[in-house]
Amino acid sequence: MGVQPVPLDDLIGMSVTFTKLQELLKQLISSSNDQDAAIQQLRDDADKTRQSLEQRLGEQDVAVAEVRAKVDASADEVQKAVAQAEASRSELVGQTEAMR
């Protein structure tokens, strides 16, 4: 009793030919390329978003520094006004006591 070759088609239960394997390989490669393109697009979008956010953050830092400088200047003016008011009050109190 000799070994009889069994066709691959019968072994798997479907027709498997070189052409079909090539077609399957093309589909796999195409799918992989599509995924690579999608991943690259996501990377590009993420880079653009990051750059935009960095720019906006820089602009906000500048704006915060400007506001801080204005607040500091205003606080200095308030302190000067309070000091002048206290000096005027002391002067008026002194004049009032002198009049008594």
PDB file of N, CA and C in Angstrom:
ATOM      1  N   MET A   1       0.834  -1.146   0.000  1.00  0.00           N
ATOM      2  CA  MET A   1       0.000   0.000   0.000  1.00  0.00           C
ATOM      3  C   MET A   1       0.888   1.220   0.000  1.00  0.00           C
ATOM      4  N   GLY A   2       0.786   2.035  -1.028  1.00  0.00           N
ATOM      5  CA  GLY A   2       1.590   3.228  -1.179  1.00  0.00           C
ATOM      6  C   GLY A   2       0.860   4.462  -0.643  1.00  0.00           C
ATOM      7  N   VAL A   3       1.646   5.496  -0.390  1.00  0.00           N
ATOM      8  CA  VAL A   3       1.078   6.759   0.075  1.00  0.00           C
ATOM      9  C   VAL A   3       0.535   7.491  -1.130  1.00  0.00           C
ATOM     10  N   GLN A   4      -0.677   7.856  -1.036  1.00  0.00           N
ATOM     11  CA  GLN A   4      -1.316   8.558  -2.136  1.00  0.00           C
ATOM     12  C   GLN A   4      -1.318  10.065  -1.821  1.00  0.00           C
ATOM     13  N   PRO A   5      -0.933  10.900  -2.761  1.00  0.00           N
ATOM     14  CA  PRO A   5      -0.965  12.346  -2.513  1.00  0.00           C
ATOM     15  C   PRO A   5      -2.404  12.820  -2.337  1.00  0.00           C
ATOM     16  N   VAL A   6      -2.592  13.712  -1.355  1.00  0.00           N
ATOM     17  CA  VAL A   6      -3.916  14.278  -1.096  1.00  0.00           C
ATOM     18  C   VAL A   6      -3.883  15.725  -1.572  1.00  0.00           C
ATOM     19  N   PRO A   7      -4.805  16.072  -2.441  1.00  0.00           N
ATOM     20  CA  PRO A   7      -4.822  17.463  -2.892  1.00  0.00           C
ATOM     21  C   PRO A   7      -5.070  18.420  -1.718  1.00  0.00           C
ATOM     22  N   LEU A   8      -4.376  19.541  -1.721  1.00  0.00           N
ATOM     23  CA  LEU A   8      -4.519  20.540  -0.653  1.00  0.00           C
ATOM     24  C   LEU A   8      -5.946  21.056  -0.589  1.00  0.00           C
ATOM     25  N   ASP A   9      -6.599  21.178  -1.731  1.00  0.00           N
ATOM     26  CA  ASP A   9      -7.990  21.643  -1.760  1.00  0.00           C
ATOM     27  C   ASP A   9      -8.867  20.758  -0.895  1.00  0.00           C
ATOM     28  N   ASP A  10      -8.676  19.467  -0.976  1.00  0.00           N
ATOM     29  CA  ASP A  10      -9.507  18.543  -0.217  1.00  0.00           C
ATOM     30  C   ASP A  10      -9.141  18.562   1.267  1.00  0.00           C
ATOM     31  N   LEU A  11      -7.869  18.795   1.565  1.00  0.00           N
ATOM     32  CA  LEU A  11      -7.407  18.772   2.950  1.00  0.00           C
ATOM     33  C   LEU A  11      -7.991  19.942   3.748  1.00  0.00           C
ATOM     34  N   ILE A  12      -8.002  21.123   3.164  1.00  0.00           N
ATOM     35  CA  ILE A  12      -8.487  22.317   3.858  1.00  0.00           C
ATOM     36  C   ILE A  12      -9.997  22.474   3.694  1.00  0.00           C
ATOM     37  N   GLY A  13     -10.536  21.984   2.646  1.00  0.00           N
ATOM     38  CA  GLY A  13     -11.964  22.116   2.427  1.00  0.00           C
ATOM     39  C   GLY A  13     -12.307  23.313   1.567  1.00  0.00           C
ATOM     40  N   MET A  14     -11.315  23.951   1.025  1.00  0.00           N
ATOM     41  CA  MET A  14     -11.553  25.068   0.106  1.00  0.00           C
ATOM     42  C   MET A  14     -10.469  25.048  -0.953  1.00  0.00           C
ATOM     43  N   SER A  15     -10.727  25.754  -1.987  1.00  0.00           N
ATOM     44  CA  SER A  15      -9.763  25.781  -3.081  1.00  0.00           C
ATOM     45  C   SER A  15      -8.658  26.764  -2.740  1.00  0.00           C
ATOM     46  N   VAL A  16      -7.451  26.284  -2.628  1.00  0.00           N
ATOM     47  CA  VAL A  16      -6.307  27.132  -2.325  1.00  0.00           C
ATOM     48  C   VAL A  16      -5.374  27.064  -3.519  1.00  0.00           C
ATOM     49  N   THR A  17      -5.222  28.207  -4.142  1.00  0.00           N
ATOM     50  CA  THR A  17      -4.301  28.274  -5.262  1.00  0.00           C
ATOM     51  C   THR A  17      -3.318  29.392  -5.002  1.00  0.00           C
ATOM     52  N   PHE A  18      -2.251  29.367  -5.741  1.00  0.00           N
ATOM     53  CA  PHE A  18      -1.234  30.403  -5.597  1.00  0.00           C
ATOM     54  C   PHE A  18      -1.827  31.781  -5.846  1.00  0.00           C
ATOM     55  N   THR A  19      -2.697  31.894  -6.827  1.00  0.00           N
ATOM     56  CA  THR A  19      -3.323  33.178  -7.156  1.00  0.00           C
ATOM     57  C   THR A  19      -4.158  33.675  -5.985  1.00  0.00           C
ATOM     58  N   LYS A  20      -4.890  32.787  -5.344  1.00  0.00           N
ATOM     59  CA  LYS A  20      -5.704  33.198  -4.205  1.00  0.00           C
ATOM     60  C   LYS A  20      -4.830  33.622  -3.027  1.00  0.00           C
ATOM     61  N   LEU A  21      -3.731  32.930  -2.822  1.00  0.00           N
ATOM     62  CA  LEU A  21      -2.808  33.315  -1.764  1.00  0.00           C
ATOM     63  C   LEU A  21      -2.194  34.685  -2.052  1.00  0.00           C
ATOM     64  N   GLN A  22      -1.861  34.931  -3.315  1.00  0.00           N
ATOM     65  CA  GLN A  22      -1.339  36.239  -3.692  1.00  0.00           C
ATOM     66  C   GLN A  22      -2.389  37.323  -3.441  1.00  0.00           C
ATOM     67  N   GLU A  23      -3.610  37.045  -3.759  1.00  0.00           N
ATOM     68  CA  GLU A  23      -4.700  38.005  -3.566  1.00  0.00           C
ATOM     69  C   GLU A  23      -4.883  38.298  -2.071  1.00  0.00           C
ATOM     70  N   LEU A  24      -4.834  37.270  -1.258  1.00  0.00           N
ATOM     71  CA  LEU A  24      -4.942  37.450   0.183  1.00  0.00           C
ATOM     72  C   LEU A  24      -3.777  38.280   0.715  1.00  0.00           C
ATOM     73  N   LEU A  25      -2.586  37.994   0.228  1.00  0.00           N
ATOM     74  CA  LEU A  25      -1.411  38.748   0.635  1.00  0.00           C
ATOM     75  C   LEU A  25      -1.547  40.226   0.235  1.00  0.00           C
ATOM     76  N   LYS A  26      -2.041  40.476  -0.972  1.00  0.00           N
ATOM     77  CA  LYS A  26      -2.267  41.858  -1.420  1.00  0.00           C
ATOM     78  C   LYS A  26      -3.248  42.567  -0.496  1.00  0.00           C
ATOM     79  N   GLN A  27      -4.306  41.880  -0.092  1.00  0.00           N
ATOM     80  CA  GLN A  27      -5.300  42.479   0.795  1.00  0.00           C
ATOM     81  C   GLN A  27      -4.690  42.798   2.163  1.00  0.00           C
ATOM     82  N   LEU A  28      -3.883  41.886   2.669  1.00  0.00           N
ATOM     83  CA  LEU A  28      -3.226  42.114   3.950  1.00  0.00           C
ATOM     84  C   LEU A  28      -2.271  43.305   3.878  1.00  0.00           C
ATOM     85  N   ILE A  29      -1.503  43.358   2.809  1.00  0.00           N
ATOM     86  CA  ILE A  29      -0.554  44.471   2.630  1.00  0.00           C
ATOM     87  C   ILE A  29      -1.317  45.777   2.471  1.00  0.00           C
ATOM     88  N   SER A  30      -2.386  45.752   1.707  1.00  0.00           N
ATOM     89  CA  SER A  30      -3.200  46.955   1.513  1.00  0.00           C
ATOM     90  C   SER A  30      -3.794  47.427   2.838  1.00  0.00           C
ATOM     91  N   SER A  31      -4.300  46.494   3.619  1.00  0.00           N
ATOM     92  CA  SER A  31      -4.858  46.834   4.932  1.00  0.00           C
ATOM     93  C   SER A  31      -3.789  47.416   5.845  1.00  0.00           C
ATOM     94  N   SER A  32      -2.607  46.811   5.821  1.00  0.00           N
ATOM     95  CA  SER A  32      -1.495  47.310   6.628  1.00  0.00           C
ATOM     96  C   SER A  32      -1.092  48.713   6.193  1.00  0.00           C
ATOM     97  N   ASN A  33      -1.047  48.958   4.889  1.00  0.00           N
ATOM     98  CA  ASN A  33      -0.707  50.287   4.377  1.00  0.00           C
ATOM     99  C   ASN A  33      -1.759  51.314   4.768  1.00  0.00           C
ATOM    100  N   ASP A  34      -3.029  50.907   4.717  1.00  0.00           N
ATOM    101  CA  ASP A  34      -4.104  51.811   5.130  1.00  0.00           C
ATOM    102  C   ASP A  34      -3.966  52.177   6.606  1.00  0.00           C
ATOM    103  N   GLN A  35      -3.645  51.177   7.421  1.00  0.00           N
ATOM    104  CA  GLN A  35      -3.461  51.432   8.846  1.00  0.00           C
ATOM    105  C   GLN A  35      -2.264  52.341   9.084  1.00  0.00           C
ATOM    106  N   ASP A  36      -1.180  52.110   8.356  1.00  0.00           N
ATOM    107  CA  ASP A  36       0.002  52.977   8.480  1.00  0.00           C
ATOM    108  C   ASP A  36      -0.335  54.408   8.096  1.00  0.00           C
ATOM    109  N   ALA A  37      -1.102  54.569   7.033  1.00  0.00           N
ATOM    110  CA  ALA A  37      -1.494  55.915   6.599  1.00  0.00           C
ATOM    111  C   ALA A  37      -2.368  56.587   7.657  1.00  0.00           C
ATOM    112  N   ALA A  38      -3.285  55.827   8.232  1.00  0.00           N
ATOM    113  CA  ALA A  38      -4.150  56.379   9.276  1.00  0.00           C
ATOM    114  C   ALA A  38      -3.338  56.773  10.509  1.00  0.00           C
ATOM    115  N   ILE A  39      -2.388  55.929  10.884  1.00  0.00           N
ATOM    116  CA  ILE A  39      -1.530  56.235  12.029  1.00  0.00           C
ATOM    117  C   ILE A  39      -0.695  57.479  11.754  1.00  0.00           C
ATOM    118  N   GLN A  40      -0.161  57.591  10.557  1.00  0.00           N
ATOM    119  CA  GLN A  40       0.642  58.769  10.201  1.00  0.00           C
ATOM    120  C   GLN A  40      -0.215  60.030  10.228  1.00  0.00           C
ATOM    121  N   GLN A  41      -1.447  59.930   9.758  1.00  0.00           N
ATOM    122  CA  GLN A  41      -2.352  61.084   9.787  1.00  0.00           C
ATOM    123  C   GLN A  41      -2.645  61.489  11.233  1.00  0.00           C
ATOM    124  N   LEU A  42      -2.851  60.506  12.093  1.00  0.00           N
ATOM    125  CA  LEU A  42      -3.077  60.809  13.508  1.00  0.00           C
ATOM    126  C   LEU A  42      -1.855  61.483  14.125  1.00  0.00           C
ATOM    127  N   ARG A  43      -0.660  60.991  13.755  1.00  0.00           N
ATOM    128  CA  ARG A  43       0.567  61.628  14.260  1.00  0.00           C
ATOM    129  C   ARG A  43       0.672  63.068  13.782  1.00  0.00           C
ATOM    130  N   ASP A  44       0.395  63.273  12.498  1.00  0.00           N
ATOM    131  CA  ASP A  44       0.461  64.629  11.947  1.00  0.00           C
ATOM    132  C   ASP A  44      -0.534  65.549  12.645  1.00  0.00           C
ATOM    133  N   ASP A  45      -1.749  65.056  12.837  1.00  0.00           N
ATOM    134  CA  ASP A  45      -2.770  65.851  13.527  1.00  0.00           C
ATOM    135  C   ASP A  45      -2.356  66.154  14.961  1.00  0.00           C
ATOM    136  N   ALA A  46      -1.797  65.160  15.642  1.00  0.00           N
ATOM    137  CA  ALA A  46      -1.343  65.357  17.019  1.00  0.00           C
ATOM    138  C   ALA A  46      -0.209  66.385  17.077  1.00  0.00           C
ATOM    139  N   ASP A  47       0.711  66.334  16.105  1.00  0.00           N
ATOM    140  CA  ASP A  47       1.806  67.311  16.061  1.00  0.00           C
ATOM    141  C   ASP A  47       1.274  68.721  15.840  1.00  0.00           C
ATOM    142  N   LYS A  48       0.320  68.855  14.925  1.00  0.00           N
ATOM    143  CA  LYS A  48      -0.265  70.172  14.665  1.00  0.00           C
ATOM    144  C   LYS A  48      -0.978  70.698  15.900  1.00  0.00           C
ATOM    145  N   THR A  49      -1.718  69.820  16.565  1.00  0.00           N
ATOM    146  CA  THR A  49      -2.428  70.222  17.781  1.00  0.00           C
ATOM    147  C   THR A  49      -1.445  70.626  18.865  1.00  0.00           C
ATOM    148  N   ARG A  50      -0.374  69.847  19.026  1.00  0.00           N
ATOM    149  CA  ARG A  50       0.638  70.165  20.034  1.00  0.00           C
ATOM    150  C   ARG A  50       1.285  71.515  19.752  1.00  0.00           C
ATOM    151  N   GLN A  51       1.632  71.758  18.484  1.00  0.00           N
ATOM    152  CA  GLN A  51       2.249  73.029  18.118  1.00  0.00           C
ATOM    153  C   GLN A  51       1.290  74.186  18.371  1.00  0.00           C
ATOM    154  N   SER A  52       0.033  73.985  18.029  1.00  0.00           N
ATOM    155  CA  SER A  52      -0.972  75.022  18.259  1.00  0.00           C
ATOM    156  C   SER A  52      -1.126  75.317  19.746  1.00  0.00           C
ATOM    157  N   LEU A  53      -1.167  74.262  20.540  1.00  0.00           N
ATOM    158  CA  LEU A  53      -1.302  74.440  21.988  1.00  0.00           C
ATOM    159  C   LEU A  53      -0.073  75.116  22.581  1.00  0.00           C
ATOM    160  N   GLU A  54       1.104  74.757  22.096  1.00  0.00           N
ATOM    161  CA  GLU A  54       2.330  75.398  22.584  1.00  0.00           C
ATOM    162  C   GLU A  54       2.324  76.884  22.249  1.00  0.00           C
ATOM    163  N   GLN A  55       1.864  77.220  21.049  1.00  0.00           N
ATOM    164  CA  GLN A  55       1.792  78.622  20.649  1.00  0.00           C
ATOM    165  C   GLN A  55       0.797  79.376  21.536  1.00  0.00           C
ATOM    166  N   ARG A  56      -0.376  78.772  21.741  1.00  0.00           N
ATOM    167  CA  ARG A  56      -1.387  79.417  22.584  1.00  0.00           C
ATOM    168  C   ARG A  56      -0.890  79.568  24.011  1.00  0.00           C
ATOM    169  N   LEU A  57      -0.176  78.564  24.515  1.00  0.00           N
ATOM    170  CA  LEU A  57       0.371  78.638  25.861  1.00  0.00           C
ATOM    171  C   LEU A  57       1.379  79.780  25.967  1.00  0.00           C
ATOM    172  N   GLY A  58       2.212  79.915  24.945  1.00  0.00           N
ATOM    173  CA  GLY A  58       3.174  81.024  24.933  1.00  0.00           C
ATOM    174  C   GLY A  58       2.476  82.372  24.931  1.00  0.00           C
ATOM    175  N   GLU A  59       1.423  82.485  24.135  1.00  0.00           N
ATOM    176  CA  GLU A  59       0.655  83.738  24.084  1.00  0.00           C
ATOM    177  C   GLU A  59       0.003  84.026  25.432  1.00  0.00           C
ATOM    178  N   GLN A  60      -0.519  82.979  26.072  1.00  0.00           N
ATOM    179  CA  GLN A  60      -1.142  83.161  27.381  1.00  0.00           C
ATOM    180  C   GLN A  60      -0.113  83.544  28.435  1.00  0.00           C
ATOM    181  N   ASP A  61       1.082  82.974  28.335  1.00  0.00           N
ATOM    182  CA  ASP A  61       2.147  83.347  29.275  1.00  0.00           C
ATOM    183  C   ASP A  61       2.490  84.830  29.150  1.00  0.00           C
ATOM    184  N   VAL A  62       2.544  85.311  27.915  1.00  0.00           N
ATOM    185  CA  VAL A  62       2.825  86.729  27.683  1.00  0.00           C
ATOM    186  C   VAL A  62       1.698  87.584  28.266  1.00  0.00           C
ATOM    187  N   ALA A  63       0.456  87.169  28.019  1.00  0.00           N
ATOM    188  CA  ALA A  63      -0.688  87.922  28.530  1.00  0.00           C
ATOM    189  C   ALA A  63      -0.691  87.933  30.059  1.00  0.00           C
ATOM    190  N   VAL A  64      -0.375  86.803  30.671  1.00  0.00           N
ATOM    191  CA  VAL A  64      -0.326  86.727  32.135  1.00  0.00           C
ATOM    192  C   VAL A  64       0.765  87.655  32.675  1.00  0.00           C
ATOM    193  N   ALA A  65       1.906  87.677  32.020  1.00  0.00           N
ATOM    194  CA  ALA A  65       3.002  88.548  32.462  1.00  0.00           C
ATOM    195  C   ALA A  65       2.586  90.018  32.363  1.00  0.00           C
ATOM    196  N   GLU A  66       1.871  90.365  31.295  1.00  0.00           N
ATOM    197  CA  GLU A  66       1.405  91.752  31.135  1.00  0.00           C
ATOM    198  C   GLU A  66       0.401  92.109  32.226  1.00  0.00           C
ATOM    199  N   VAL A  67      -0.537  91.219  32.495  1.00  0.00           N
ATOM    200  CA  VAL A  67      -1.536  91.473  33.545  1.00  0.00           C
ATOM    201  C   VAL A  67      -0.857  91.574  34.902  1.00  0.00           C
ATOM    202  N   ARG A  68       0.099  90.671  35.152  1.00  0.00           N
ATOM    203  CA  ARG A  68       0.818  90.705  36.428  1.00  0.00           C
ATOM    204  C   ARG A  68       1.536  92.052  36.604  1.00  0.00           C
ATOM    205  N   ALA A  69       2.166  92.534  35.542  1.00  0.00           N
ATOM    206  CA  ALA A  69       2.871  93.819  35.614  1.00  0.00           C
ATOM    207  C   ALA A  69       1.883  94.959  35.900  1.00  0.00           C
ATOM    208  N   LYS A  70       0.723  94.914  35.250  1.00  0.00           N
ATOM    209  CA  LYS A  70      -0.293  95.952  35.496  1.00  0.00           C
ATOM    210  C   LYS A  70      -0.818  95.881  36.930  1.00  0.00           C
ATOM    211  N   VAL A  71      -1.041  94.663  37.423  1.00  0.00           N
ATOM    212  CA  VAL A  71      -1.529  94.497  38.794  1.00  0.00           C
ATOM    213  C   VAL A  71      -0.484  95.008  39.784  1.00  0.00           C
ATOM    214  N   ASP A  72       0.768  94.685  39.546  1.00  0.00           N
ATOM    215  CA  ASP A  72       1.833  95.161  40.434  1.00  0.00           C
ATOM    216  C   ASP A  72       1.905  96.684  40.421  1.00  0.00           C
ATOM    217  N   ALA A  73       1.793  97.270  39.232  1.00  0.00           N
ATOM    218  CA  ALA A  73       1.827  98.734  39.134  1.00  0.00           C
ATOM    219  C   ALA A  73       0.629  99.340  39.852  1.00  0.00           C
ATOM    220  N   SER A  74      -0.527  98.734  39.679  1.00  0.00           N
ATOM    221  CA  SER A  74      -1.732  99.232  40.359  1.00  0.00           C
ATOM    222  C   SER A  74      -1.597  99.099  41.867  1.00  0.00           C
ATOM    223  N   ALA A  75      -1.049  97.998  42.333  1.00  0.00           N
ATOM    224  CA  ALA A  75      -0.855  97.793  43.774  1.00  0.00           C
ATOM    225  C   ALA A  75       0.089  98.849  44.332  1.00  0.00           C
ATOM    226  N   ASP A  76       1.133  99.171  43.575  1.00  0.00           N
ATOM    227  CA  ASP A  76       2.054 100.232  44.012  1.00  0.00           C
ATOM    228  C   ASP A  76       1.327 101.565  44.115  1.00  0.00           C
ATOM    229  N   GLU A  77       0.484 101.873  43.139  1.00  0.00           N
ATOM    230  CA  GLU A  77      -0.278 103.126  43.161  1.00  0.00           C
ATOM    231  C   GLU A  77      -1.232 103.158  44.352  1.00  0.00           C
ATOM    232  N   VAL A  78      -1.875 102.026  44.637  1.00  0.00           N
ATOM    233  CA  VAL A  78      -2.786 101.953  45.787  1.00  0.00           C
ATOM    234  C   VAL A  78      -2.009 102.180  47.077  1.00  0.00           C
ATOM    235  N   GLN A  79      -0.854 101.547  47.193  1.00  0.00           N
ATOM    236  CA  GLN A  79      -0.047 101.737  48.400  1.00  0.00           C
ATOM    237  C   GLN A  79       0.364 103.193  48.572  1.00  0.00           C
ATOM    238  N   LYS A  80       0.730 103.843  47.468  1.00  0.00           N
ATOM    239  CA  LYS A  80       1.088 105.265  47.544  1.00  0.00           C
ATOM    240  C   LYS A  80      -0.125 106.090  47.960  1.00  0.00           C
ATOM    241  N   ALA A  81      -1.286 105.793  47.407  1.00  0.00           N
ATOM    242  CA  ALA A  81      -2.500 106.533  47.747  1.00  0.00           C
ATOM    243  C   ALA A  81      -2.862 106.321  49.216  1.00  0.00           C
ATOM    244  N   VAL A  82      -2.723 105.090  49.703  1.00  0.00           N
ATOM    245  CA  VAL A  82      -3.009 104.814  51.114  1.00  0.00           C
ATOM    246  C   VAL A  82      -2.028 105.567  51.990  1.00  0.00           C
ATOM    247  N   ALA A  83      -0.766 105.564  51.614  1.00  0.00           N
ATOM    248  CA  ALA A  83       0.242 106.293  52.402  1.00  0.00           C
ATOM    249  C   ALA A  83      -0.077 107.784  52.431  1.00  0.00           C
ATOM    250  N   GLN A  84      -0.480 108.344  51.297  1.00  0.00           N
ATOM    251  CA  GLN A  84      -0.846 109.763  51.245  1.00  0.00           C
ATOM    252  C   GLN A  84      -2.088 110.032  52.085  1.00  0.00           C
ATOM    253  N   ALA A  85      -3.061 109.126  52.026  1.00  0.00           N
ATOM    254  CA  ALA A  85      -4.286 109.296  52.809  1.00  0.00           C
ATOM    255  C   ALA A  85      -3.959 109.246  54.299  1.00  0.00           C
ATOM    256  N   GLU A  86      -3.092 108.323  54.692  1.00  0.00           N
ATOM    257  CA  GLU A  86      -2.711 108.239  56.093  1.00  0.00           C
ATOM    258  C   GLU A  86      -1.947 109.483  56.532  1.00  0.00           C
ATOM    259  N   ALA A  87      -1.093 109.992  55.653  1.00  0.00           N
ATOM    260  CA  ALA A  87      -0.347 111.215  55.969  1.00  0.00           C
ATOM    261  C   ALA A  87      -1.297 112.386  56.103  1.00  0.00           C
ATOM    262  N   SER A  88      -2.268 112.473  55.202  1.00  0.00           N
ATOM    263  CA  SER A  88      -3.254 113.554  55.271  1.00  0.00           C
ATOM    264  C   SER A  88      -4.091 113.422  56.534  1.00  0.00           C
ATOM    265  N   ARG A  89      -4.472 112.199  56.868  1.00  0.00           N
ATOM    266  CA  ARG A  89      -5.261 111.964  58.083  1.00  0.00           C
ATOM    267  C   ARG A  89      -4.473 112.395  59.316  1.00  0.00           C
ATOM    268  N   SER A  90      -3.200 111.988  59.339  1.00  0.00           N
ATOM    269  CA  SER A  90      -2.360 112.371  60.483  1.00  0.00           C
ATOM    270  C   SER A  90      -2.230 113.885  60.572  1.00  0.00           C
ATOM    271  N   GLU A  91      -2.084 114.505  59.417  1.00  0.00           N
ATOM    272  CA  GLU A  91      -1.961 115.966  59.398  1.00  0.00           C
ATOM    273  C   GLU A  91      -3.249 116.625  59.889  1.00  0.00           C
ATOM    274  N   LEU A  92      -4.380 116.121  59.426  1.00  0.00           N
ATOM    275  CA  LEU A  92      -5.670 116.677  59.857  1.00  0.00           C
ATOM    276  C   LEU A  92      -5.902 116.442  61.344  1.00  0.00           C
ATOM    277  N   VAL A  93      -5.544 115.271  61.829  1.00  0.00           N
ATOM    278  CA  VAL A  93      -5.693 114.981  63.257  1.00  0.00           C
ATOM    279  C   VAL A  93      -4.812 115.934  64.056  1.00  0.00           C
ATOM    280  N   GLY A  94      -3.601 116.144  63.560  1.00  0.00           N
ATOM    281  CA  GLY A  94      -2.695 117.059  64.223  1.00  0.00           C
ATOM    282  C   GLY A  94      -3.224 118.477  64.229  1.00  0.00           C
ATOM    283  N   GLN A  95      -3.792 118.936  63.141  1.00  0.00           N
ATOM    284  CA  GLN A  95      -4.352 120.276  63.046  1.00  0.00           C
ATOM    285  C   GLN A  95      -5.583 120.395  63.953  1.00  0.00           C
ATOM    286  N   THR A  96      -6.387 119.343  63.982  1.00  0.00           N
ATOM    287  CA  THR A  96      -7.597 119.364  64.814  1.00  0.00           C
ATOM    288  C   THR A  96      -7.220 119.445  66.293  1.00  0.00           C
ATOM    289  N   GLU A  97      -6.225 118.697  66.677  1.00  0.00           N
ATOM    290  CA  GLU A  97      -5.791 118.728  68.082  1.00  0.00           C
ATOM    291  C   GLU A  97      -5.164 120.064  68.427  1.00  0.00           C
ATOM    292  N   ALA A  98      -4.477 120.647  67.441  1.00  0.00           N
ATOM    293  CA  ALA A  98      -3.845 121.948  67.698  1.00  0.00           C
ATOM    294  C   ALA A  98      -4.904 123.023  67.870  1.00  0.00           C
ATOM    295  N   MET A  99      -6.033 122.872  67.215  1.00  0.00           N
ATOM    296  CA  MET A  99      -7.108 123.867  67.295  1.00  0.00           C
ATOM    297  C   MET A  99      -7.854 123.762  68.637  1.00  0.00           C
ATOM    298  N   ARG A 100      -7.752 122.697  69.307  1.00  0.00           N
ATOM    299  CA  ARG A 100      -8.499 122.527  70.547  1.00  0.00           C
ATOM    300  C   ARG A 100      -7.846 123.236  71.640  1.00  0.00           C
TER     301      ARG A 100
END
